Amino acid sequence: MPLRIVFCGTPEFALPSLRLLLEQADFRVEAVVTQPDRPRGRGQRVSSSPVKDAALDAGVAVYQPEKIKSDSAFDFLSRVAPDIVVIIAYGQIIPQRLLDIPRLGWINLHGSLLPKYRGAAPINWAIINRETRTGVTTMQVEAGLDTGPILLKREVEIGADETAPELAARLAEIGAPFVAETLRGLERGKLKAQPQDNSQATFAHLLKKEDGRIDWSQPAWAIYNRIRGLQPWPGAFTTFHGKICHVWGRPAAEDITSVARETKPAALGEIVVRGGDIIVACGSATALRIEFVQLEGRKRITAEEFANGQRITGLDILGQS
C-alpha cells in the first residue's frame, strides 16, 4: 500500500520534491497545504503559490488555512489522517497537536547543514556570510524552529559566483530524491534520528529590506557576497543623490589606490569612472566594479549607461543622502 502523504509547502524551493513524490508509485499525495493566495510581485497582483499551481495541475486537493494552528486546520488533517506530512518552506510554525496526527510524524527538508542556519533564509545568509559549503538536511519536525532531530544530510559546495536563486534551485533539485530516500527509510524503520547539537546552532533570520543597504566601509568581497545573497529581494542597494539605487557588480582586480585619483585618497563610496567602468571605493582599500545600476522608478541599465546618463563627476559618492 502506498505511503499516504500530506505535502505542506509554498515557494518554488518545494516544487521538485512535490513533483517527485507525485511520480512515485509507493507514495500517494492525498492533499497539499499551502499559504493563502496573496499579492505578489511588483504589481502586487493576488496570485497563488507555486506549490498550489502544481497541485491543481496534478489534480490534488489543496487546503489554504490563514493560520495552521486553527481548529479548522486540525480538523482537516485529522480527516485526511496521513501516514506522514512532508513540509518544505511552508512559512508557519506547526503546533504540537498537528504534529501528533500522522503515525510517522512530520519531516522537513531544510536548505542548510543543520544546526547551522536555522530559520527562514538559510541559503541567503550562507552566501552573505562567505560560507563555501552548505547542503540539505531532512529532520523530524518539532514545535520549535528547525530544532528537530536530524535524519539525513548532504553537503555541497557553494560556487564562488553563485547567487541565492541559483543555489536555491540546485539545492531544491538535490533535495527532492533526498526527501524520497528519507520517507522510504522511515517507513522501513531503517533511519534513526540524531539530536541536533544546539551549541553549534546559528540563526538565519527572515530577510528585511534594510538588510540590502550597502555599507561601503566593508571590503568589496563582503559587498559582493551581499549582492549575490540578497537576490532577488531585497537586493543590494545604496543611495545616489538621495534616491535608492540598486547595484550589481563584483570586486575589482585592483585595489582602490590603483584606480582612484592620485591627488587625494578616495572616500568610501566614491565613484571613479575609468573608460566605461564605474569603480566604487570600499573598505580595506578595496574596490567594487559596478556592472548594472537601477535607480528607483527606472529600469536596470549598464554601468556605462549610468555613468553617461548621470554625468558622474569626481564628487559623486554612493550612500550619501
Protein backbone atom coordinates (compact mmCIF):
# COMPACT_ATOMS: atom_id res chain seq x y z
CA MET A 1 0.00 0.00 0.00
CA PRO A 2 1.42 3.45 -0.90
CA LEU A 3 2.57 5.75 1.87
CA ARG A 4 -0.16 8.35 2.32
CA ILE A 5 1.33 11.84 2.38
CA VAL A 6 0.14 15.38 3.00
CA PHE A 7 2.54 17.84 1.40
CA CYS A 8 2.94 21.22 3.06
CA GLY A 9 4.86 23.97 1.25
CA THR A 10 4.65 27.26 -0.61
CA PRO A 11 7.52 28.55 -2.84
CA GLU A 12 9.42 27.15 -5.79
CA PHE A 13 12.01 25.57 -3.49
CA ALA A 14 9.36 22.95 -2.58
CA LEU A 15 8.33 22.13 -6.16
CA PRO A 16 10.94 19.49 -7.14
CA SER A 17 10.08 17.44 -4.05
CA LEU A 18 6.34 17.66 -4.63
CA ARG A 19 6.68 16.70 -8.28
CA LEU A 20 8.91 13.72 -7.50
CA LEU A 21 6.55 12.43 -4.79
CA LEU A 22 3.63 12.68 -7.21
CA GLU A 23 5.52 10.46 -9.67
CA GLN A 24 6.41 7.61 -7.27
CA ALA A 25 4.20 4.53 -7.15
CA ASP A 26 4.96 3.87 -3.47
CA PHE A 27 3.75 7.35 -2.42
CA ARG A 28 0.30 8.90 -2.64
CA VAL A 29 -0.06 12.63 -2.04
CA GLU A 30 -3.53 12.92 -0.51
CA ALA A 31 -3.58 16.72 -0.19
CA VAL A 32 -1.41 19.82 -0.36
CA VAL A 33 -1.40 22.53 2.30
CA THR A 34 -0.08 25.90 1.20
CA GLN A 35 -0.32 29.58 2.09
CA PRO A 36 -3.40 31.58 1.00
CA ASP A 37 -3.29 33.48 -2.28
CA ARG A 38 -1.52 36.79 -1.67
CA PRO A 39 -0.36 39.93 -3.53
CA ARG A 40 2.94 39.13 -5.22
CA GLY A 41 5.48 40.80 -7.48
CA ARG A 42 5.92 44.42 -8.45
CA GLY A 43 2.27 44.84 -9.40
CA GLN A 44 1.10 43.22 -6.15
CA ARG A 45 -1.48 41.16 -8.02
CA VAL A 46 -3.14 38.48 -5.91
CA SER A 47 -1.84 35.13 -7.09
CA SER A 48 -1.47 31.56 -5.91
CA SER A 49 1.71 29.92 -4.68
CA PRO A 50 3.87 27.77 -6.99
CA VAL A 51 3.01 24.73 -4.87
CA LYS A 52 -0.74 25.35 -5.23
CA ASP A 53 -0.43 25.66 -9.00
CA ALA A 54 1.48 22.37 -9.25
CA ALA A 55 -1.01 20.58 -7.01
CA LEU A 56 -4.00 21.75 -9.02
CA ASP A 57 -2.28 20.73 -12.25
CA ALA A 58 -1.86 17.24 -10.78
CA GLY A 59 -5.48 17.07 -9.57
CA VAL A 60 -4.52 17.07 -5.88
CA ALA A 61 -6.79 18.69 -3.28
CA VAL A 62 -5.45 21.99 -1.91
CA TYR A 63 -6.08 23.44 1.55
CA GLN A 64 -5.04 27.04 2.36
CA PRO A 65 -5.58 27.96 6.01
CA GLU A 66 -4.80 31.51 7.08
CA LYS A 67 -3.34 30.05 10.28
CA ILE A 68 -2.13 26.46 10.53
CA LYS A 69 -2.77 26.45 14.30
CA SER A 70 -6.53 26.94 13.74
CA ASP A 71 -9.18 24.39 14.68
CA SER A 72 -10.15 24.04 11.02
CA ALA A 73 -6.58 23.01 10.14
CA PHE A 74 -6.63 20.44 12.94
CA ASP A 75 -9.97 19.08 11.67
CA PHE A 76 -8.72 18.93 8.09
CA LEU A 77 -5.56 17.00 8.92
CA SER A 78 -7.46 14.67 11.25
CA ARG A 79 -9.91 13.82 8.47
CA VAL A 80 -7.18 13.11 5.94
CA ALA A 81 -5.20 11.11 8.54
CA PRO A 82 -1.97 10.79 6.52
CA ASP A 83 0.83 8.42 7.39
CA ILE A 84 3.29 11.33 7.26
CA VAL A 85 3.45 15.03 6.43
CA VAL A 86 6.27 16.47 4.34
CA ILE A 87 6.80 20.18 4.99
CA ILE A 88 9.17 22.32 2.92
CA ALA A 89 9.37 26.12 3.20
CA TYR A 90 5.74 26.42 4.26
CA GLY A 91 6.10 29.63 6.24
CA GLN A 92 4.40 28.90 9.59
CA ILE A 93 5.36 27.08 12.80
CA ILE A 94 3.39 23.84 13.28
CA PRO A 95 1.65 23.35 16.65
CA GLN A 96 2.19 20.13 18.60
CA ARG A 97 -1.39 18.87 18.23
CA LEU A 98 -0.93 18.75 14.44
CA LEU A 99 2.48 17.14 14.73
CA ASP A 100 0.90 14.28 16.70
CA ILE A 101 -1.62 13.31 13.98
CA PRO A 102 0.45 11.30 11.41
CA ARG A 103 1.76 7.95 12.60
CA LEU A 104 5.24 8.73 11.20
CA GLY A 105 5.15 12.39 12.20
CA TRP A 106 6.28 15.30 10.04
CA ILE A 107 9.56 15.61 8.15
CA ASN A 108 11.17 18.76 6.80
CA LEU A 109 13.71 19.47 4.07
CA HIS A 110 15.87 22.42 5.14
CA GLY A 111 18.35 24.28 2.94
CA SER A 112 21.36 24.13 5.26
CA LEU A 113 23.51 21.73 7.21
CA LEU A 114 21.64 21.90 10.50
CA PRO A 115 22.12 23.02 13.20
CA LYS A 116 23.77 25.85 11.21
CA TYR A 117 21.40 28.39 9.71
CA ARG A 118 18.13 27.51 11.34
CA GLY A 119 15.39 29.88 10.24
CA ALA A 120 13.72 31.40 7.21
CA ALA A 121 16.65 32.38 4.96
CA PRO A 122 19.47 29.82 5.31
CA ILE A 123 20.60 29.99 1.68
CA ASN A 124 20.81 33.77 1.63
CA TRP A 125 22.78 34.07 4.86
CA ALA A 126 25.19 31.27 3.96
CA ILE A 127 26.22 33.26 0.87
CA ILE A 128 26.29 36.61 2.69
CA ASN A 129 28.49 35.10 5.41
CA ARG A 130 31.02 33.77 2.89
CA GLU A 131 30.36 30.09 3.51
CA THR A 132 31.98 27.83 0.93
CA ARG A 133 29.85 24.77 1.71
CA THR A 134 26.21 24.18 2.58
CA GLY A 135 23.70 21.42 1.89
CA VAL A 136 20.31 19.99 2.66
CA THR A 137 19.04 18.30 5.80
CA THR A 138 15.96 16.22 6.44
CA MET A 139 14.73 16.24 10.01
CA GLN A 140 11.79 15.31 12.17
CA VAL A 141 9.68 18.38 12.88
CA GLU A 142 9.22 19.66 16.41
CA ALA A 143 7.21 22.63 17.66
CA GLY A 144 10.43 24.70 17.77
CA LEU A 145 12.07 26.43 14.80
CA ASP A 146 14.21 23.88 12.92
CA THR A 147 15.25 22.18 16.16
CA GLY A 148 14.10 18.63 15.38
CA PRO A 149 16.32 15.52 15.24
CA ILE A 150 18.29 15.08 12.02
CA LEU A 151 17.56 12.18 9.69
CA LEU A 152 19.88 12.70 6.69
CA LYS A 153 22.35 15.35 5.48
CA ARG A 154 24.00 16.03 2.16
CA GLU A 155 26.80 18.58 1.74
CA VAL A 156 27.56 20.61 -1.41
CA GLU A 157 29.96 23.37 -2.38
CA ILE A 158 28.76 26.93 -2.92
CA GLY A 159 30.02 28.35 -6.22
CA ALA A 160 32.24 31.40 -5.90
CA ASP A 161 29.82 33.45 -8.02
CA GLU A 162 26.61 31.57 -7.24
CA THR A 163 23.59 33.69 -6.35
CA ALA A 164 20.90 32.80 -3.84
CA PRO A 165 18.31 31.88 -6.53
CA GLU A 166 20.87 29.69 -8.31
CA LEU A 167 21.89 27.89 -5.13
CA ALA A 168 18.26 27.50 -4.03
CA ALA A 169 17.33 25.90 -7.36
CA ARG A 170 20.28 23.50 -7.10
CA LEU A 171 19.51 22.52 -3.51
CA ALA A 172 15.84 22.02 -4.34
CA GLU A 173 16.75 19.52 -7.09
CA ILE A 174 19.24 17.74 -4.83
CA GLY A 175 16.67 17.68 -2.04
CA ALA A 176 13.85 16.01 -3.95
CA PRO A 177 15.30 12.47 -4.14
CA PHE A 178 16.69 13.07 -0.64
CA VAL A 179 13.11 13.50 0.66
CA ALA A 180 12.04 10.28 -1.05
CA GLU A 181 15.02 8.45 0.46
CA THR A 182 14.08 9.75 3.90
CA LEU A 183 10.44 8.66 3.55
CA ARG A 184 11.38 5.16 2.48
CA GLY A 185 13.94 4.87 5.27
CA LEU A 186 11.37 5.89 7.89
CA GLU A 187 8.68 3.58 6.51
CA ARG A 188 11.09 0.63 6.60
CA GLY A 189 12.43 1.51 10.04
CA LYS A 190 15.98 1.97 8.73
CA LEU A 191 16.55 5.58 9.80
CA LYS A 192 17.47 6.68 13.29
CA ALA A 193 17.15 10.39 14.05
CA GLN A 194 20.07 12.13 15.74
CA PRO A 195 19.53 15.11 18.07
CA GLN A 196 20.95 18.43 16.94
CA ASP A 197 23.90 19.92 18.80
CA ASN A 198 22.29 23.13 19.99
CA SER A 199 25.66 24.60 20.95
CA GLN A 200 26.53 24.73 17.23
CA ALA A 201 23.28 26.35 16.13
CA THR A 202 23.18 29.60 14.15
CA PHE A 203 20.11 31.54 13.02
CA ALA A 204 19.21 32.82 9.55
CA HIS A 205 16.58 35.44 10.19
CA LEU A 206 13.87 36.43 7.73
CA LEU A 207 15.20 38.96 5.24
CA LYS A 208 14.24 42.59 5.75
CA LYS A 209 14.52 45.39 3.21
CA GLU A 210 17.19 47.11 5.29
CA ASP A 211 19.43 44.03 5.01
CA GLY A 212 20.08 45.12 1.43
CA ARG A 213 21.61 48.52 2.31
CA ILE A 214 25.29 48.52 1.36
CA ASP A 215 27.86 49.59 3.93
CA TRP A 216 30.75 50.92 1.84
CA SER A 217 33.12 50.57 4.78
CA GLN A 218 33.00 46.81 4.22
CA PRO A 219 35.56 45.26 1.85
CA ALA A 220 34.45 44.65 -1.72
CA TRP A 221 34.22 40.88 -1.30
CA ALA A 222 31.72 41.30 1.57
CA ILE A 223 29.59 43.65 -0.52
CA TYR A 224 29.74 41.19 -3.42
CA ASN A 225 28.51 38.39 -1.14
CA ARG A 226 25.59 40.62 -0.14
CA ILE A 227 24.80 41.32 -3.80
CA ARG A 228 24.75 37.56 -4.50
CA GLY A 229 22.95 36.57 -1.32
CA LEU A 230 20.14 39.12 -1.44
CA GLN A 231 18.85 38.34 -4.91
CA PRO A 232 16.06 38.66 -5.92
CA TRP A 233 14.84 40.54 -2.82
CA PRO A 234 15.64 42.93 -1.24
CA GLY A 235 18.68 43.23 -3.49
CA ALA A 236 21.79 45.23 -2.62
CA PHE A 237 21.15 48.95 -2.70
CA THR A 238 22.63 52.30 -1.79
CA THR A 239 21.66 55.91 -2.47
CA PHE A 240 22.67 58.23 -5.30
CA HIS A 241 21.78 61.90 -4.93
CA GLY A 242 19.21 60.91 -2.31
CA LYS A 243 17.50 58.24 -4.42
CA ILE A 244 17.53 54.48 -3.80
CA CYS A 245 19.93 52.84 -6.22
CA HIS A 246 20.25 49.06 -6.64
CA VAL A 247 23.63 47.89 -7.87
CA TRP A 248 25.15 44.70 -9.24
CA GLY A 249 28.87 44.17 -9.52
CA ARG A 250 31.94 42.27 -8.35
CA PRO A 251 35.29 43.05 -6.71
CA ALA A 252 37.75 44.86 -8.94
CA ALA A 253 41.06 43.18 -9.63
CA GLU A 254 42.94 46.27 -8.43
CA ASP A 255 42.70 48.00 -5.07
CA ILE A 256 41.19 51.46 -4.98
CA THR A 257 44.56 53.22 -4.75
CA SER A 258 45.38 51.87 -8.21
CA VAL A 259 42.29 53.33 -9.86
CA ALA A 260 41.45 56.48 -7.87
CA ARG A 261 42.79 59.99 -8.47
CA GLU A 262 46.27 60.46 -7.12
CA THR A 263 45.52 63.92 -5.68
CA LYS A 264 43.69 62.57 -2.59
CA PRO A 265 42.53 59.25 -1.14
CA ALA A 266 39.13 58.05 -2.37
CA ALA A 267 36.31 58.39 0.15
CA LEU A 268 34.23 55.33 0.99
CA GLY A 269 31.50 55.02 -1.64
CA GLU A 270 33.25 57.41 -4.01
CA ILE A 271 32.66 56.70 -7.69
CA VAL A 272 35.66 56.56 -10.01
CA VAL A 273 34.89 56.44 -13.73
CA ARG A 274 37.59 54.89 -15.88
CA GLY A 275 36.72 54.35 -19.51
CA GLY A 276 33.39 52.54 -19.49
CA ASP A 277 33.86 51.26 -15.95
CA ILE A 278 32.36 52.50 -12.70
CA ILE A 279 34.53 51.60 -9.72
CA VAL A 280 33.47 52.35 -6.14
CA ALA A 281 35.80 52.74 -3.17
CA CYS A 282 35.15 50.16 -0.43
CA GLY A 283 36.66 49.35 2.94
CA SER A 284 40.18 47.94 3.38
CA ALA A 285 41.29 49.88 0.27
CA THR A 286 39.30 47.54 -1.98
CA ALA A 287 37.09 48.44 -4.93
CA LEU A 288 33.81 47.19 -6.40
CA ARG A 289 33.40 47.24 -10.18
CA ILE A 290 29.75 48.08 -10.87
CA GLU A 291 28.11 46.18 -13.75
CA PHE A 292 24.46 47.26 -13.58
CA VAL A 293 22.52 50.00 -11.85
CA GLN A 294 18.82 50.62 -11.26
CA LEU A 295 17.64 53.93 -9.84
CA GLU A 296 14.26 53.82 -8.10
CA GLY A 297 11.43 54.09 -10.60
CA ARG A 298 13.67 53.29 -13.58
CA LYS A 299 14.81 50.22 -15.48
CA ARG A 300 18.09 48.42 -14.93
CA ILE A 301 20.93 49.74 -17.13
CA THR A 302 24.63 49.05 -17.58
CA ALA A 303 27.20 50.91 -15.55
CA GLU A 304 28.43 52.72 -18.66
CA GLU A 305 24.90 53.90 -19.49
CA PHE A 306 24.51 55.09 -15.92
CA ALA A 307 27.82 56.98 -15.97
CA ASN A 308 26.96 58.68 -19.26
CA GLY A 309 23.37 59.47 -18.31
CA GLN A 310 24.16 60.88 -14.88
CA ARG A 311 27.32 62.76 -15.95
CA ILE A 312 29.16 61.48 -12.91
CA THR A 313 31.92 63.69 -11.55
CA GLY A 314 34.67 63.10 -9.03
CA LEU A 315 32.39 64.47 -6.32
CA ASP A 316 29.76 61.72 -6.58
CA ILE A 317 29.64 59.42 -3.57
CA LEU A 318 27.24 56.49 -3.16
CA GLY A 319 25.45 56.14 0.15
CA GLN A 320 25.06 59.81 0.92
CA SER A 321 21.59 61.24 1.46
